Amino acid sequence: MQEQSYHPLGHPDSAEVGVQPTPDGQDILIEHSDLGQRFACLLAFGKADIVRQEDTTYWRIPHNRQVDDLLVELIDLLISIRYAHPAMVQLEMILEPAEP
């Protein structure tokens, strides 16, 4: 079986996260680490597989409808948490003083 190309997407807390196409969609791959394990367990409801590619070990989560619904809920929740913080500025406006 020929492996599809892996696409890295980011490195939260130094744990690489990416996706890999499959014949029916994609898998989410999360680098094997403490944070990676917690993230994989959250997304996979405690049922992530372990795969090895080249010299790196990943948690593999099939990106199905259940995982996608959870991703959407988490995104909405994380955005709400950020906007609720009273000291974090999301958008800073710099206005020129009005001339008399």
Protein backbone atom coordinates (compact mmCIF):
# COMPACT_ATOMS: atom_id res chain seq x y z
CA MET A 1 0.00 0.00 0.00
CA GLN A 2 1.40 3.37 -0.98
CA GLU A 3 1.36 5.96 1.82
CA GLN A 4 -0.43 9.20 1.04
CA SER A 5 1.48 12.42 1.69
CA TYR A 6 1.46 13.80 5.21
CA HIS A 7 0.73 17.53 5.70
CA PRO A 8 2.00 19.08 8.96
CA LEU A 9 -0.33 21.83 10.23
CA GLY A 10 1.18 23.10 13.48
CA HIS A 11 3.17 22.45 16.65
CA PRO A 12 1.12 23.21 19.79
CA ASP A 13 3.55 22.96 22.70
CA SER A 14 6.11 21.28 20.37
CA ALA A 15 3.83 18.34 19.47
CA GLU A 16 3.45 18.22 15.69
CA VAL A 17 -0.10 17.88 14.37
CA GLY A 18 -0.95 17.15 10.76
CA VAL A 19 -3.27 15.32 8.42
CA GLN A 20 -2.81 12.48 5.99
CA PRO A 21 -5.30 11.73 3.19
CA THR A 22 -6.94 8.31 3.16
CA PRO A 23 -9.10 6.69 0.45
CA ASP A 24 -12.28 7.83 2.26
CA GLY A 25 -11.16 11.11 3.89
CA GLN A 26 -8.21 11.84 6.15
CA ASP A 27 -6.49 10.85 9.37
CA ILE A 28 -5.35 13.35 11.97
CA LEU A 29 -1.80 12.57 13.15
CA ILE A 30 -0.56 13.93 16.48
CA GLU A 31 3.05 13.47 17.52
CA HIS A 32 3.55 11.08 20.41
CA SER A 33 4.15 13.23 23.52
CA ASP A 34 2.37 13.96 26.81
CA LEU A 35 0.32 16.78 25.28
CA GLY A 36 -0.16 14.79 22.08
CA GLN A 37 -1.55 11.86 24.04
CA ARG A 38 -4.06 14.07 25.88
CA PHE A 39 -5.15 15.75 22.65
CA ALA A 40 -5.45 12.42 20.82
CA CYS A 41 -7.47 10.88 23.66
CA LEU A 42 -9.82 13.87 23.61
CA LEU A 43 -10.37 13.76 19.85
CA ALA A 44 -10.54 9.98 19.57
CA PHE A 45 -12.65 9.43 22.68
CA GLY A 46 -9.77 7.39 24.17
CA LYS A 47 -9.32 5.12 21.12
CA ALA A 48 -6.37 6.46 19.11
CA ASP A 49 -4.04 4.13 17.19
CA ILE A 50 -0.26 4.51 17.21
CA VAL A 51 1.57 4.71 13.87
CA ARG A 52 5.19 5.29 12.97
CA GLN A 53 6.36 7.32 9.99
CA GLU A 54 10.07 7.61 9.32
CA ASP A 55 11.55 8.43 12.75
CA THR A 56 8.41 9.84 14.40
CA THR A 57 5.59 8.13 16.30
CA TYR A 58 2.07 9.57 16.00
CA TRP A 59 -1.37 9.03 17.43
CA ARG A 60 -3.73 8.44 14.48
CA ILE A 61 -7.35 9.56 14.64
CA PRO A 62 -9.67 8.89 11.70
CA HIS A 63 -11.36 12.23 10.90
CA ASN A 64 -14.98 11.08 10.90
CA ARG A 65 -18.27 12.92 11.57
CA GLN A 66 -18.06 12.38 15.35
CA VAL A 67 -14.52 13.80 15.52
CA ASP A 68 -15.51 16.70 13.24
CA ASP A 69 -18.50 17.58 15.46
CA LEU A 70 -16.19 17.61 18.48
CA LEU A 71 -13.66 19.83 16.65
CA VAL A 72 -16.41 22.36 15.86
CA GLU A 73 -17.62 22.38 19.49
CA LEU A 74 -14.05 22.80 20.77
CA ILE A 75 -13.32 25.64 18.34
CA ASP A 76 -16.46 27.49 19.41
CA LEU A 77 -15.67 26.92 23.09
CA LEU A 78 -12.05 28.06 22.78
CA ILE A 79 -13.08 31.21 20.92
CA SER A 80 -15.63 31.99 23.63
CA ILE A 81 -13.03 31.48 26.35
CA ARG A 82 -10.64 33.90 24.62
CA TYR A 83 -13.28 36.57 24.06
CA ALA A 84 -14.52 36.27 27.66
CA HIS A 85 -11.13 37.25 29.12
CA PRO A 86 -11.38 40.88 30.26
CA ALA A 87 -7.68 41.71 29.80
CA MET A 88 -6.97 40.11 26.42
CA VAL A 89 -7.35 42.53 23.53
CA GLN A 90 -8.60 40.92 20.33
CA LEU A 91 -8.44 44.01 18.16
CA GLU A 92 -6.63 47.21 18.99
CA MET A 93 -7.79 50.37 17.26
CA ILE A 94 -5.52 53.35 16.93
CA LEU A 95 -7.45 56.50 16.11
CA GLU A 96 -5.90 59.79 15.13
CA PRO A 97 -7.01 62.68 17.32
CA ALA A 98 -9.68 64.77 15.69
CA GLU A 99 -8.50 68.18 14.53
CA PRO A 100 -10.33 71.17 16.03
